[in-house]
């Protein structure tokens, strides 16, 4: 007779619901009843939206269906939006980029080095320039040209790749095209974008040259979830650094690329570790 498998598995539970007394007690009780050991617990009650947010790390020998069955009555009672995630399962992530490869390279390197809990089955670009970089990392590359006349066809191809590769997260790593409102809504909460952040802000061509011409003293980057409001989605992470008048426009651009890469990678890591919960137009981040 084979002995039963008593090895422990690690899971992350996230939830949000209307705030009321007894939530932590009920969740903890259900987990203990299911044979779980809670190793980390974070919670927050939002005074602005009157919602409660919680992230729990746990270990257990119980099977995932048994955990879900034990938690389901609590979720129904409190009206929870919730998810239970096996920690050993990386988040399947499709990356989109155009010609600039700095953010893409950072993500590929960190994933290969074991620093990001993601799996990258494919890269999509509207230009062929990054094919060699994808090949270096052994990742499937898809050149999907995009112009005003073929937007529907290009997005249909993207949707098919998301389906074919069981993609859970889409990352726009300097993908210099605007997604349709419909696609943004379909990817709500599972697509992350990166853009530069200047004080004041500069849009259009050569933003770092514009910033240099105005003598900015702060540059940075913002990583946020994609919405149909361009660059206005819920913010996950930001970084800013001071710069001096002696920096040239090219130096500002190089510094900006480094900041963009770090900021995007950090946002992807936190999302993949299920540390980011949406609270309307804001995010709750459990570090």
Protein backbone atom coordinates (compact mmCIF):
# COMPACT_ATOMS: atom_id res chain seq x y z
CA UNK A 1 0.00 0.00 0.00
CA UNK A 2 1.31 3.43 -0.91
CA UNK A 3 1.60 5.87 1.98
CA UNK A 4 -0.41 9.10 1.62
CA UNK A 5 1.36 12.22 0.37
CA UNK A 6 2.00 14.39 3.41
CA UNK A 7 4.16 17.01 1.68
CA UNK A 8 3.08 20.60 2.26
CA UNK A 9 2.18 23.03 -0.48
CA UNK A 10 2.23 26.82 -0.27
CA UNK A 11 -0.68 28.98 -1.35
CA UNK A 12 -1.64 32.64 -1.36
CA UNK A 13 -5.20 33.71 -0.64
CA UNK A 14 -6.39 37.20 -1.59
CA UNK A 15 -9.82 38.67 -0.98
CA UNK A 16 -11.84 41.87 -0.85
CA UNK A 17 -15.37 42.47 0.38
CA UNK A 18 -17.53 45.07 2.12
CA UNK A 19 -15.95 45.83 5.49
CA UNK A 20 -17.70 44.42 8.56
CA UNK A 21 -16.72 42.72 11.82
CA UNK A 22 -15.68 39.08 11.86
CA UNK A 23 -13.95 38.72 8.51
CA UNK A 24 -10.47 37.84 9.80
CA UNK A 25 -11.91 35.44 12.37
CA UNK A 26 -14.04 33.67 9.76
CA UNK A 27 -11.23 33.36 7.21
CA UNK A 28 -8.71 32.18 9.77
CA UNK A 29 -11.17 29.65 11.19
CA UNK A 30 -11.92 28.21 7.74
CA UNK A 31 -8.22 27.86 6.97
CA UNK A 32 -7.46 26.18 10.29
CA UNK A 33 -10.41 23.83 9.82
CA UNK A 34 -8.98 22.89 6.41
CA UNK A 35 -5.63 22.00 8.01
CA UNK A 36 -3.72 25.13 7.00
CA UNK A 37 -0.85 26.86 8.75
CA UNK A 38 -0.97 30.64 8.22
CA UNK A 39 2.57 31.95 7.70
CA UNK A 40 1.74 35.57 6.83
CA UNK A 41 -1.39 37.71 7.01
CA UNK A 42 -1.97 41.31 5.97
CA UNK A 43 -5.22 43.23 5.90
CA UNK A 44 -6.52 46.73 5.28
CA UNK A 45 -9.88 48.42 5.61
CA UNK A 46 -10.32 51.29 3.16
CA UNK A 47 -12.09 54.30 4.75
CA UNK A 48 -12.72 55.71 1.27
CA UNK A 49 -14.61 52.73 -0.20
CA UNK A 50 -15.58 50.88 3.00
CA UNK A 51 -14.05 47.70 1.62
CA UNK A 52 -11.80 45.20 3.37
CA UNK A 53 -8.71 43.69 1.75
CA UNK A 54 -6.67 40.70 2.89
CA UNK A 55 -3.71 38.64 1.73
CA UNK A 56 -2.82 35.38 3.48
CA UNK A 57 0.17 33.12 2.86
CA UNK A 58 -0.33 29.55 4.04
CA UNK A 59 1.03 26.02 3.94
CA UNK A 60 -1.07 22.86 3.96
CA UNK A 61 -1.16 19.20 2.98
CA UNK A 62 -4.78 19.60 1.85
CA UNK A 63 -5.65 19.56 -1.83
CA UNK A 64 -6.65 22.81 -3.50
CA UNK A 65 -10.27 21.71 -4.20
CA UNK A 66 -10.70 20.96 -0.48
CA UNK A 67 -9.36 24.42 0.41
CA UNK A 68 -11.72 26.07 -2.05
CA UNK A 69 -14.67 24.08 -0.67
CA UNK A 70 -13.79 25.14 2.88
CA UNK A 71 -13.50 28.81 1.94
CA UNK A 72 -16.55 29.03 -0.32
CA UNK A 73 -19.17 29.37 2.46
CA UNK A 74 -17.17 32.20 4.07
CA UNK A 75 -16.81 33.92 0.72
CA UNK A 76 -20.56 33.73 0.12
CA UNK A 77 -21.39 34.99 3.61
CA UNK A 78 -19.24 38.11 3.27
CA UNK A 79 -19.71 38.73 -0.47
CA UNK A 80 -16.03 38.27 -1.25
CA UNK A 81 -14.08 38.62 -4.46
CA UNK A 82 -11.32 36.11 -3.81
CA UNK A 83 -8.62 33.96 -5.31
CA UNK A 84 -6.46 31.06 -4.14
CA UNK A 85 -3.11 30.63 -5.89
CA UNK A 86 -0.49 27.83 -5.66
CA UNK A 87 2.86 29.50 -5.07
CA UNK A 88 4.78 27.00 -7.16
CA UNK A 89 2.74 27.93 -10.24
CA UNK A 90 4.34 30.88 -12.11
CA UNK A 91 2.07 33.44 -13.73
CA UNK A 92 1.95 32.92 -17.47
CA UNK A 93 2.92 36.29 -18.91
CA UNK A 94 2.83 37.60 -22.48
CA UNK A 95 5.09 40.59 -23.10
CA UNK A 96 4.44 43.23 -25.74
CA UNK A 97 7.12 45.64 -26.94
CA UNK A 98 7.88 47.81 -29.97
CA UNK A 99 11.50 48.77 -30.75
CA UNK A 100 12.98 49.69 -27.36
CA UNK A 101 14.16 46.50 -25.68
CA UNK A 102 15.35 47.70 -22.27
CA UNK A 103 12.21 46.80 -20.31
CA UNK A 104 11.78 43.54 -22.21
CA UNK A 105 15.39 42.55 -21.57
CA UNK A 106 15.06 43.29 -17.84
CA UNK A 107 11.99 41.08 -17.58
CA UNK A 108 13.54 38.24 -19.57
CA UNK A 109 16.77 38.34 -17.57
CA UNK A 110 15.03 38.44 -14.20
CA UNK A 111 12.67 35.64 -15.16
CA UNK A 112 15.57 33.44 -16.31
CA UNK A 113 17.47 34.26 -13.11
CA UNK A 114 14.55 33.11 -10.96
CA UNK A 115 13.84 36.61 -9.63
CA UNK A 116 10.35 36.88 -11.11
CA UNK A 117 7.66 34.22 -10.51
CA UNK A 118 6.46 34.36 -14.10
CA UNK A 119 6.63 32.15 -17.18
CA UNK A 120 6.97 33.89 -20.55
CA UNK A 121 5.56 31.76 -23.38
CA UNK A 122 5.58 34.49 -26.03
CA UNK A 123 6.59 38.01 -27.00
CA UNK A 124 4.49 40.17 -29.33
CA UNK A 125 5.78 43.19 -31.22
CA UNK A 126 4.51 45.48 -33.94
CA UNK A 127 8.09 45.57 -35.31
CA UNK A 128 10.59 42.77 -36.06
CA UNK A 129 13.50 44.50 -34.28
CA UNK A 130 13.36 42.48 -31.04
CA UNK A 131 13.19 39.03 -32.64
CA UNK A 132 16.90 38.39 -31.99
CA UNK A 133 16.55 39.29 -28.30
CA UNK A 134 13.62 36.90 -27.94
CA UNK A 135 15.62 34.20 -29.68
CA UNK A 136 18.55 34.68 -27.29
CA UNK A 137 16.24 33.84 -24.38
CA UNK A 138 14.49 31.06 -26.31
CA UNK A 139 11.08 32.72 -26.22
CA UNK A 140 8.57 32.49 -29.06
CA UNK A 141 8.38 35.79 -31.00
CA UNK A 142 5.32 37.03 -32.88
CA UNK A 143 5.55 39.99 -35.25
CA UNK A 144 2.05 41.45 -35.41
CA UNK A 145 2.13 44.64 -37.50
CA UNK A 146 -0.33 47.28 -36.42
CA UNK A 147 -1.63 50.36 -38.21
CA UNK A 148 -4.90 52.33 -38.26
CA UNK A 149 -6.29 50.04 -40.96
CA UNK A 150 -5.66 46.67 -39.29
CA UNK A 151 -6.29 47.33 -35.57
CA UNK A 152 -9.11 44.79 -35.36
CA UNK A 153 -7.03 42.06 -37.03
CA UNK A 154 -3.99 42.81 -34.86
CA UNK A 155 -6.02 42.65 -31.66
CA UNK A 156 -7.72 39.45 -32.82
CA UNK A 157 -4.26 37.91 -33.25
CA UNK A 158 -3.31 39.09 -29.76
CA UNK A 159 -6.47 37.61 -28.26
CA UNK A 160 -5.73 34.31 -29.96
CA UNK A 161 -2.23 34.23 -28.49
CA UNK A 162 -3.61 34.97 -25.03
CA UNK A 163 -5.99 32.03 -25.41
CA UNK A 164 -3.50 29.63 -27.01
CA UNK A 165 -0.87 30.22 -24.32
CA UNK A 166 -3.23 30.37 -21.32
CA UNK A 167 -1.92 33.87 -20.59
CA UNK A 168 -2.78 35.30 -17.17
CA UNK A 169 -0.90 38.61 -17.44
CA UNK A 170 -0.06 40.93 -20.34
CA UNK A 171 2.84 43.34 -19.90
CA UNK A 172 3.29 46.35 -22.18
CA UNK A 173 7.06 46.77 -22.00
CA UNK A 174 7.31 49.99 -24.03
CA UNK A 175 4.69 48.84 -26.53
CA UNK A 176 4.09 52.10 -28.38
CA UNK A 177 0.56 51.45 -29.58
CA UNK A 178 -2.79 52.28 -28.00
CA UNK A 179 -5.05 49.31 -27.27
CA UNK A 180 -8.74 49.60 -28.04
CA UNK A 181 -11.15 50.42 -25.23
CA UNK A 182 -12.76 47.00 -25.60
CA UNK A 183 -9.45 45.17 -25.23
CA UNK A 184 -8.47 47.32 -22.25
CA UNK A 185 -11.72 46.37 -20.54
CA UNK A 186 -11.25 42.69 -21.35
CA UNK A 187 -7.75 42.78 -19.83
CA UNK A 188 -8.82 44.80 -16.77
CA UNK A 189 -6.65 43.96 -13.78
CA UNK A 190 -4.33 41.70 -15.77
CA UNK A 191 -2.41 44.08 -18.05
CA UNK A 192 0.42 46.33 -16.85
CA UNK A 193 1.94 49.29 -18.66
CA UNK A 194 5.01 51.47 -18.03
CA UNK A 195 5.56 55.09 -18.96
CA UNK A 196 7.92 57.89 -18.05
CA UNK A 197 6.93 60.40 -15.38
CA UNK A 198 8.14 63.99 -15.54
CA UNK A 199 7.33 66.96 -13.37
CA UNK A 200 6.03 68.78 -15.42
CA UNK A 201 4.82 66.19 -17.92
CA UNK A 202 5.88 65.96 -21.56
CA UNK A 203 4.06 63.92 -24.18
CA UNK A 204 4.72 63.17 -27.80
CA UNK A 205 8.05 62.70 -29.54
CA UNK A 206 11.39 62.81 -27.68
CA UNK A 207 10.04 63.46 -24.16
CA UNK A 208 13.51 63.38 -22.61
CA UNK A 209 14.69 66.08 -24.98
CA UNK A 210 11.65 68.16 -24.02
CA UNK A 211 12.41 67.58 -20.34
CA UNK A 212 16.04 68.60 -20.84
CA UNK A 213 14.97 71.76 -22.66
CA UNK A 214 12.76 72.73 -19.73
CA UNK A 215 15.46 71.94 -17.15
CA UNK A 216 13.49 69.38 -15.16
CA UNK A 217 14.87 68.39 -11.78
CA UNK A 218 12.90 65.14 -11.36
CA UNK A 219 12.41 62.24 -13.76
CA UNK A 220 10.85 58.88 -13.09
CA UNK A 221 8.54 56.12 -14.22
CA UNK A 222 5.07 54.84 -13.40
CA UNK A 223 3.81 51.25 -13.74
CA UNK A 224 0.05 50.92 -13.74
CA UNK A 225 -2.79 48.68 -14.80
CA UNK A 226 -4.10 49.30 -18.30
CA UNK A 227 -7.50 50.97 -18.63
CA UNK A 228 -9.32 52.71 -21.46
CA UNK A 229 -8.13 56.02 -19.98
CA UNK A 230 -4.69 56.32 -21.55
CA UNK A 231 -1.93 56.17 -18.89
CA UNK A 232 -4.50 56.81 -16.15
CA UNK A 233 -4.92 53.29 -14.74
CA UNK A 234 -4.47 52.28 -11.08
CA UNK A 235 -0.82 52.81 -10.12
CA UNK A 236 1.21 49.84 -8.88
CA UNK A 237 4.69 51.34 -8.52
CA UNK A 238 6.55 54.58 -9.16
CA UNK A 239 10.17 55.66 -8.91
CA UNK A 240 11.66 59.13 -9.18
CA UNK A 241 15.22 60.47 -9.11
CA UNK A 242 16.67 63.97 -9.01
CA UNK A 243 18.72 65.22 -11.95
CA UNK A 244 20.98 68.23 -12.39
CA UNK A 245 21.45 70.79 -15.12
CA UNK A 246 24.69 69.09 -16.20
CA UNK A 247 22.83 66.04 -17.55
CA UNK A 248 22.42 65.96 -21.33
CA UNK A 249 19.25 64.82 -23.04
CA UNK A 250 20.91 61.48 -23.91
CA UNK A 251 21.98 61.00 -20.30
CA UNK A 252 18.45 61.69 -19.12
CA UNK A 253 17.14 59.12 -21.59
CA UNK A 254 19.62 56.46 -20.40
CA UNK A 255 18.76 57.15 -16.79
CA UNK A 256 15.07 57.04 -17.65
CA UNK A 257 15.41 53.64 -19.34
CA UNK A 258 17.02 52.21 -16.20
CA UNK A 259 14.20 53.58 -14.03
CA UNK A 260 11.53 52.26 -16.39
CA UNK A 261 13.03 48.78 -16.34
CA UNK A 262 13.26 48.63 -12.54
CA UNK A 263 9.79 50.05 -11.99
CA UNK A 264 8.09 47.70 -14.44
CA UNK A 265 9.89 44.63 -13.10
CA UNK A 266 8.90 45.52 -9.54
CA UNK A 267 5.26 45.96 -10.54
CA UNK A 268 5.26 42.62 -12.36
CA UNK A 269 6.82 40.89 -9.35
CA UNK A 270 4.24 42.28 -6.93
CA UNK A 271 1.38 41.34 -9.27
CA UNK A 272 2.74 37.82 -9.78
CA UNK A 273 3.09 37.39 -6.01
CA UNK A 274 -0.57 38.43 -5.66
CA UNK A 275 0.29 41.46 -3.55
CA UNK A 276 -1.79 43.99 -5.52
CA UNK A 277 -5.55 44.32 -5.03
CA UNK A 278 -7.76 46.81 -6.84
CA UNK A 279 -9.76 49.35 -4.87
CA UNK A 280 -11.60 51.26 -7.57
CA UNK A 281 -9.07 53.55 -9.28
CA UNK A 282 -6.45 52.82 -6.59
CA UNK A 283 -4.41 49.78 -5.66
CA UNK A 284 -3.86 48.19 -2.26
CA UNK A 285 -0.28 46.89 -2.11
CA UNK A 286 0.71 44.32 0.52
CA UNK A 287 4.53 44.29 0.44
